[in-house]
PDB file of N, CA and C in Angstrom:
ATOM      1  N   UNK A   1      21.081  12.231   6.718  1.00  0.00           N
ATOM      2  CA  UNK A   1      20.045  11.505   6.014  1.00  0.00           C
ATOM      3  C   UNK A   1      18.647  11.745   7.256  1.00  0.00           C
ATOM      4  N   UNK A   2      17.773  11.649   6.812  1.00  0.00           N
ATOM      5  CA  UNK A   2      16.428  11.489   7.418  1.00  0.00           C
ATOM      6  C   UNK A   2      15.273  10.434   7.575  1.00  0.00           C
ATOM      7  N   UNK A   3      15.027  10.180   8.472  1.00  0.00           N
ATOM      8  CA  UNK A   3      13.513   8.798   8.578  1.00  0.00           C
ATOM      9  C   UNK A   3      12.957   9.559   8.457  1.00  0.00           C
ATOM     10  N   UNK A   4      11.211   8.734   7.964  1.00  0.00           N
ATOM     11  CA  UNK A   4       9.768   9.648   7.792  1.00  0.00           C
ATOM     12  C   UNK A   4       9.364   8.267   7.533  1.00  0.00           C
ATOM     13  N   UNK A   5       8.389   8.473   8.383  1.00  0.00           N
ATOM     14  CA  UNK A   5       6.531   7.092   8.889  1.00  0.00           C
ATOM     15  C   UNK A   5       5.733   7.984   8.137  1.00  0.00           C
ATOM     16  N   UNK A   6       4.816   7.145   6.927  1.00  0.00           N
ATOM     17  CA  UNK A   6       3.392   7.090   6.415  1.00  0.00           C
ATOM     18  C   UNK A   6       2.518   7.489   7.994  1.00  0.00           C
ATOM     19  N   UNK A   7       2.105   8.448   8.344  1.00  0.00           N
ATOM     20  CA  UNK A   7       0.814   7.572   9.020  1.00  0.00           C
ATOM     21  C   UNK A   7      -1.013   7.318   8.293  1.00  0.00           C
ATOM     22  N   UNK A   8       0.102   6.108   7.239  1.00  0.00           N
ATOM     23  CA  UNK A   8      -1.252   6.042   6.768  1.00  0.00           C
ATOM     24  C   UNK A   8      -0.961   4.693   6.488  1.00  0.00           C
ATOM     25  N   UNK A   9       0.288   4.669   6.496  1.00  0.00           N
ATOM     26  CA  UNK A   9       0.979   2.494   6.588  1.00  0.00           C
ATOM     27  C   UNK A   9       0.400   1.886   8.273  1.00  0.00           C
ATOM     28  N   UNK A  10      -0.440   1.020   7.958  1.00  0.00           N
ATOM     29  CA  UNK A  10      -0.461  -0.118   9.600  1.00  0.00           C
ATOM     30  C   UNK A  10       0.036  -1.083   8.857  1.00  0.00           C
ATOM     31  N   UNK A  11       0.740  -2.146   9.397  1.00  0.00           N
ATOM     32  CA  UNK A  11       1.031  -3.106   9.147  1.00  0.00           C
ATOM     33  C   UNK A  11       1.577  -3.258   7.891  1.00  0.00           C
ATOM     34  N   UNK A  12       2.380  -2.388   7.261  1.00  0.00           N
ATOM     35  CA  UNK A  12       3.039  -2.591   5.773  1.00  0.00           C
ATOM     36  C   UNK A  12       1.561  -2.480   4.994  1.00  0.00           C
ATOM     37  N   UNK A  13       0.049  -2.206   5.594  1.00  0.00           N
ATOM     38  CA  UNK A  13      -0.843  -1.755   4.254  1.00  0.00           C
ATOM     39  C   UNK A  13      -1.829  -0.333   4.226  1.00  0.00           C
ATOM     40  N   UNK A  14      -1.408   0.011   3.153  1.00  0.00           N
ATOM     41  CA  UNK A  14      -2.072   1.763   3.303  1.00  0.00           C
ATOM     42  C   UNK A  14      -3.340   1.556   3.378  1.00  0.00           C
ATOM     43  N   UNK A  15      -3.803   2.660   4.052  1.00  0.00           N
ATOM     44  CA  UNK A  15      -5.210   2.578   4.701  1.00  0.00           C
ATOM     45  C   UNK A  15      -5.880   3.994   3.743  1.00  0.00           C
ATOM     46  N   UNK A  16      -5.028   4.798   2.987  1.00  0.00           N
ATOM     47  CA  UNK A  16      -5.268   5.446   2.241  1.00  0.00           C
ATOM     48  C   UNK A  16      -5.759   5.204   0.936  1.00  0.00           C
ATOM     49  N   UNK A  17      -4.853   3.879   0.037  1.00  0.00           N
ATOM     50  CA  UNK A  17      -5.548   3.591  -0.697  1.00  0.00           C
ATOM     51  C   UNK A  17      -6.140   1.692  -0.212  1.00  0.00           C
ATOM     52  N   UNK A  18      -6.966   1.840   0.019  1.00  0.00           N
ATOM     53  CA  UNK A  18      -7.065   0.559   0.527  1.00  0.00           C
ATOM     54  C   UNK A  18      -6.934  -0.576  -0.087  1.00  0.00           C
ATOM     55  N   UNK A  19      -6.719  -1.401   0.951  1.00  0.00           N
ATOM     56  CA  UNK A  19      -5.931  -2.638   0.438  1.00  0.00           C
ATOM     57  C   UNK A  19      -4.858  -3.041  -0.673  1.00  0.00           C
ATOM     58  N   UNK A  20      -4.076  -1.392  -0.614  1.00  0.00           N
ATOM     59  CA  UNK A  20      -2.587  -2.337  -0.548  1.00  0.00           C
ATOM     60  C   UNK A  20      -1.379  -1.948  -0.250  1.00  0.00           C
ATOM     61  N   UNK A  21      -0.662  -2.624  -0.798  1.00  0.00           N
ATOM     62  CA  UNK A  21       0.796  -2.489   0.027  1.00  0.00           C
ATOM     63  C   UNK A  21       1.295  -0.901  -0.055  1.00  0.00           C
ATOM     64  N   UNK A  22       1.794  -0.774   1.449  1.00  0.00           N
ATOM     65  CA  UNK A  22       2.448   0.554   1.437  1.00  0.00           C
ATOM     66  C   UNK A  22       3.332   0.735   0.843  1.00  0.00           C
ATOM     67  N   UNK A  23       3.520   1.640  -0.568  1.00  0.00           N
ATOM     68  CA  UNK A  23       4.968   1.869  -1.001  1.00  0.00           C
ATOM     69  C   UNK A  23       4.730   3.061  -1.869  1.00  0.00           C
ATOM     70  N   UNK A  24       5.808   3.718  -0.762  1.00  0.00           N
ATOM     71  CA  UNK A  24       5.786   5.364  -0.899  1.00  0.00           C
ATOM     72  C   UNK A  24       5.612   5.723  -2.330  1.00  0.00           C
ATOM     73  N   UNK A  25       4.888   6.608  -2.918  1.00  0.00           N
ATOM     74  CA  UNK A  25       4.937   7.076  -4.156  1.00  0.00           C
ATOM     75  C   UNK A  25       4.296   6.880  -5.098  1.00  0.00           C
ATOM     76  N   UNK A  26       3.436   5.656  -4.954  1.00  0.00           N
ATOM     77  CA  UNK A  26       2.812   5.080  -5.651  1.00  0.00           C
ATOM     78  C   UNK A  26       1.212   6.089  -5.991  1.00  0.00           C
ATOM     79  N   UNK A  27       0.210   5.784  -6.623  1.00  0.00           N
ATOM     80  CA  UNK A  27      -0.442   6.420  -6.992  1.00  0.00           C
ATOM     81  C   UNK A  27      -0.944   6.132  -6.306  1.00  0.00           C
ATOM     82  N   UNK A  28      -1.942   7.500  -5.139  1.00  0.00           N
ATOM     83  CA  UNK A  28      -2.445   7.785  -4.781  1.00  0.00           C
ATOM     84  C   UNK A  28      -2.160   7.983  -2.850  1.00  0.00           C
ATOM     85  N   UNK A  29      -1.253   8.165  -3.709  1.00  0.00           N
ATOM     86  CA  UNK A  29      -0.127   8.102  -2.236  1.00  0.00           C
ATOM     87  C   UNK A  29      -0.357   9.747  -1.777  1.00  0.00           C
ATOM     88  N   UNK A  30      -0.080  10.132  -0.649  1.00  0.00           N
ATOM     89  CA  UNK A  30       0.312  11.667  -0.520  1.00  0.00           C
ATOM     90  C   UNK A  30       1.704  12.079  -1.437  1.00  0.00           C
ATOM     91  N   UNK A  31       2.606  11.406  -1.610  1.00  0.00           N
ATOM     92  CA  UNK A  31       4.004  11.438  -1.504  1.00  0.00           C
ATOM     93  C   UNK A  31       3.942  11.529  -3.179  1.00  0.00           C
ATOM     94  N   UNK A  32       2.970  10.843  -3.604  1.00  0.00           N
ATOM     95  CA  UNK A  32       2.741  10.668  -5.104  1.00  0.00           C
ATOM     96  C   UNK A  32       2.972  12.538  -5.562  1.00  0.00           C
ATOM     97  N   UNK A  33       4.287  12.604  -6.233  1.00  0.00           N
ATOM     98  CA  UNK A  33       4.204  13.379  -7.773  1.00  0.00           C
ATOM     99  C   UNK A  33       5.097  14.806  -6.628  1.00  0.00           C
ATOM    100  N   UNK A  34       5.283  15.060  -5.307  1.00  0.00           N
ATOM    101  CA  UNK A  34       5.514  15.143  -4.186  1.00  0.00           C
ATOM    102  C   UNK A  34       6.835  15.711  -4.378  1.00  0.00           C
ATOM    103  N   UNK A  35       7.362  14.357  -3.797  1.00  0.00           N
ATOM    104  CA  UNK A  35       8.912  14.490  -3.684  1.00  0.00           C
ATOM    105  C   UNK A  35       9.602  13.750  -4.723  1.00  0.00           C
ATOM    106  N   UNK A  36      10.731  13.632  -4.942  1.00  0.00           N
ATOM    107  CA  UNK A  36      11.626  12.822  -5.635  1.00  0.00           C
ATOM    108  C   UNK A  36      12.800  11.636  -4.902  1.00  0.00           C
ATOM    109  N   UNK A  37      12.439  11.132  -5.183  1.00  0.00           N
ATOM    110  CA  UNK A  37      13.349   9.897  -4.217  1.00  0.00           C
ATOM    111  C   UNK A  37      14.763   9.514  -5.308  1.00  0.00           C
ATOM    112  N   UNK A  38      15.803   9.426  -4.270  1.00  0.00           N
ATOM    113  CA  UNK A  38      16.839   8.839  -4.362  1.00  0.00           C
ATOM    114  C   UNK A  38      16.906   7.274  -5.359  1.00  0.00           C
ATOM    115  N   UNK A  39      16.111   7.173  -5.991  1.00  0.00           N
ATOM    116  CA  UNK A  39      16.319   5.372  -6.439  1.00  0.00           C
ATOM    117  C   UNK A  39      15.444   6.401  -7.429  1.00  0.00           C
ATOM    118  N   UNK A  40      15.698   6.519  -8.646  1.00  0.00           N
ATOM    119  CA  UNK A  40      14.731   6.440  -9.577  1.00  0.00           C
ATOM    120  C   UNK A  40      13.893   5.742  -9.796  1.00  0.00           C
ATOM    121  N   UNK A  41      14.311   4.434  -9.745  1.00  0.00           N
ATOM    122  CA  UNK A  41      12.733   3.383 -10.078  1.00  0.00           C
ATOM    123  C   UNK A  41      11.198   3.920  -9.721  1.00  0.00           C
ATOM    124  N   UNK A  42      11.747   4.687  -7.731  1.00  0.00           N
ATOM    125  CA  UNK A  42      10.469   4.944  -7.088  1.00  0.00           C
ATOM    126  C   UNK A  42      10.513   6.426  -7.433  1.00  0.00           C
ATOM    127  N   UNK A  43      10.721   7.149  -8.785  1.00  0.00           N
ATOM    128  CA  UNK A  43      10.450   8.347  -9.307  1.00  0.00           C
ATOM    129  C   UNK A  43       9.325   8.223  -9.988  1.00  0.00           C
ATOM    130  N   UNK A  44       9.126   6.902 -11.046  1.00  0.00           N
ATOM    131  CA  UNK A  44       8.265   6.678 -12.066  1.00  0.00           C
ATOM    132  C   UNK A  44       6.842   6.737 -11.475  1.00  0.00           C
ATOM    133  N   UNK A  45       6.248   6.203 -12.665  1.00  0.00           N
ATOM    134  CA  UNK A  45       4.443   6.583 -12.004  1.00  0.00           C
ATOM    135  C   UNK A  45       4.460   4.675 -11.652  1.00  0.00           C
ATOM    136  N   UNK A  46       3.948   4.721 -10.678  1.00  0.00           N
ATOM    137  CA  UNK A  46       3.321   2.761 -10.094  1.00  0.00           C
ATOM    138  C   UNK A  46       2.163   2.357  -9.545  1.00  0.00           C
ATOM    139  N   UNK A  47       1.739   1.922  -9.860  1.00  0.00           N
ATOM    140  CA  UNK A  47       0.150   1.115  -9.876  1.00  0.00           C
ATOM    141  C   UNK A  47       0.307   0.686  -8.283  1.00  0.00           C
ATOM    142  N   UNK A  48      -1.195   1.091  -7.397  1.00  0.00           N
ATOM    143  CA  UNK A  48      -0.895  -0.259  -6.410  1.00  0.00           C
ATOM    144  C   UNK A  48      -0.605  -1.567  -6.856  1.00  0.00           C
ATOM    145  N   UNK A  49      -0.228  -2.109  -5.567  1.00  0.00           N
ATOM    146  CA  UNK A  49      -0.081  -3.134  -5.787  1.00  0.00           C
ATOM    147  C   UNK A  49      -0.695  -4.449  -4.486  1.00  0.00           C
ATOM    148  N   UNK A  50      -2.166  -5.179  -4.923  1.00  0.00           N
ATOM    149  CA  UNK A  50      -3.004  -5.395  -3.652  1.00  0.00           C
ATOM    150  C   UNK A  50      -1.727  -5.986  -2.330  1.00  0.00           C
ATOM    151  N   UNK A  51      -1.949  -6.079  -1.553  1.00  0.00           N
ATOM    152  CA  UNK A  51      -1.217  -6.710  -0.088  1.00  0.00           C
ATOM    153  C   UNK A  51      -1.576  -7.959  -0.420  1.00  0.00           C
ATOM    154  N   UNK A  52      -0.573  -8.304   0.564  1.00  0.00           N
ATOM    155  CA  UNK A  52      -0.965 -10.276   0.926  1.00  0.00           C
ATOM    156  C   UNK A  52      -1.565 -10.338   2.147  1.00  0.00           C
ATOM    157  N   UNK A  53      -2.693 -10.953   1.920  1.00  0.00           N
ATOM    158  CA  UNK A  53      -3.086 -11.028   3.210  1.00  0.00           C
ATOM    159  C   UNK A  53      -2.566 -11.961   4.383  1.00  0.00           C
ATOM    160  N   UNK A  54      -2.458 -11.954   5.446  1.00  0.00           N
ATOM    161  CA  UNK A  54      -2.512 -12.638   6.588  1.00  0.00           C
ATOM    162  C   UNK A  54      -3.561 -13.206   7.355  1.00  0.00           C
ATOM    163  N   UNK A  55      -3.532 -14.420   7.270  1.00  0.00           N
ATOM    164  CA  UNK A  55      -4.694 -15.241   7.356  1.00  0.00           C
ATOM    165  C   UNK A  55      -4.606 -15.954   9.283  1.00  0.00           C
ATOM    166  N   UNK A  56      -5.189 -16.520  10.105  1.00  0.00           N
ATOM    167  CA  UNK A  56      -5.264 -16.799  10.448  1.00  0.00           C
ATOM    168  C   UNK A  56      -6.372 -18.559  10.888  1.00  0.00           C
ATOM    169  N   UNK A  57      -5.597 -19.526  11.544  1.00  0.00           N
ATOM    170  CA  UNK A  57      -6.697 -20.601  10.960  1.00  0.00           C
ATOM    171  C   UNK A  57      -8.527 -20.246  10.993  1.00  0.00           C
ATOM    172  N   UNK A  58      -8.929 -19.395  11.772  1.00  0.00           N
ATOM    173  CA  UNK A  58     -10.415 -19.261  11.880  1.00  0.00           C
ATOM    174  C   UNK A  58     -10.339 -18.346  10.456  1.00  0.00           C
ATOM    175  N   UNK A  59      -9.832 -17.490  10.401  1.00  0.00           N
ATOM    176  CA  UNK A  59     -10.129 -16.554   8.855  1.00  0.00           C
ATOM    177  C   UNK A  59     -10.129 -18.037   7.939  1.00  0.00           C
ATOM    178  N   UNK A  60      -9.459 -18.850   7.666  1.00  0.00           N
ATOM    179  CA  UNK A  60      -9.557 -19.782   6.242  1.00  0.00           C
ATOM    180  C   UNK A  60     -10.430 -20.770   6.760  1.00  0.00           C
ATOM    181  N   UNK A  61     -11.657 -20.956   7.538  1.00  0.00           N
ATOM    182  CA  UNK A  61     -12.741 -21.690   7.580  1.00  0.00           C
ATOM    183  C   UNK A  61     -13.690 -20.900   6.492  1.00  0.00           C
ATOM    184  N   UNK A  62     -14.082 -19.606   7.272  1.00  0.00           N
ATOM    185  CA  UNK A  62     -14.653 -18.865   6.788  1.00  0.00           C
ATOM    186  C   UNK A  62     -14.525 -17.928   5.121  1.00  0.00           C
ATOM    187  N   UNK A  63     -15.140 -17.796   4.320  1.00  0.00           N
ATOM    188  CA  UNK A  63     -14.912 -17.286   3.608  1.00  0.00           C
ATOM    189  C   UNK A  63     -15.637 -15.478   3.234  1.00  0.00           C
ATOM    190  N   UNK A  64     -14.815 -15.131   3.488  1.00  0.00           N
ATOM    191  CA  UNK A  64     -16.278 -13.226   3.489  1.00  0.00           C
ATOM    192  C   UNK A  64     -16.331 -13.112   2.157  1.00  0.00           C
ATOM    193  N   UNK A  65     -17.289 -12.435   1.623  1.00  0.00           N
ATOM    194  CA  UNK A  65     -17.609 -11.651   0.620  1.00  0.00           C
ATOM    195  C   UNK A  65     -16.250 -11.406  -0.357  1.00  0.00           C
ATOM    196  N   UNK A  66     -16.148 -11.624  -1.449  1.00  0.00           N
ATOM    197  CA  UNK A  66     -15.386 -11.203  -2.012  1.00  0.00           C
ATOM    198  C   UNK A  66     -15.990  -9.565  -2.537  1.00  0.00           C
ATOM    199  N   UNK A  67     -14.696  -8.696  -2.489  1.00  0.00           N
ATOM    200  CA  UNK A  67     -15.030  -7.728  -2.886  1.00  0.00           C
ATOM    201  C   UNK A  67     -13.907  -6.852  -4.156  1.00  0.00           C
ATOM    202  N   UNK A  68     -14.189  -6.009  -4.472  1.00  0.00           N
ATOM    203  CA  UNK A  68     -13.667  -5.130  -5.586  1.00  0.00           C
ATOM    204  C   UNK A  68     -12.060  -4.217  -4.867  1.00  0.00           C
ATOM    205  N   UNK A  69     -11.061  -4.185  -5.312  1.00  0.00           N
ATOM    206  CA  UNK A  69     -10.530  -3.017  -4.598  1.00  0.00           C
ATOM    207  C   UNK A  69     -10.441  -1.695  -6.108  1.00  0.00           C
ATOM    208  N   UNK A  70     -10.146  -0.879  -5.495  1.00  0.00           N
ATOM    209  CA  UNK A  70     -10.293   0.516  -6.882  1.00  0.00           C
ATOM    210  C   UNK A  70      -9.090   0.895  -7.558  1.00  0.00           C
ATOM    211  N   UNK A  71      -8.265  -0.737  -7.582  1.00  0.00           N
ATOM    212  CA  UNK A  71      -6.803   0.111  -9.107  1.00  0.00           C
ATOM    213  C   UNK A  71      -7.239  -1.468  -9.686  1.00  0.00           C
TER     214      UNK A  71
END
């Protein structure tokens, strides 16, 4: 067994695919098409999934501008 940590994963949010939750092998990931996973579901092409935003009480009162994600 080996362990691997993605350098683009910060707090389970992908910095390479902005705004997406980190899922190794998803479209846009550095691993996409380069590796095979033991779980066959992970080997299928997958779209990025928008990350859940963690907000603080101060952020709840201020409404940021809406921005479209690239997926």
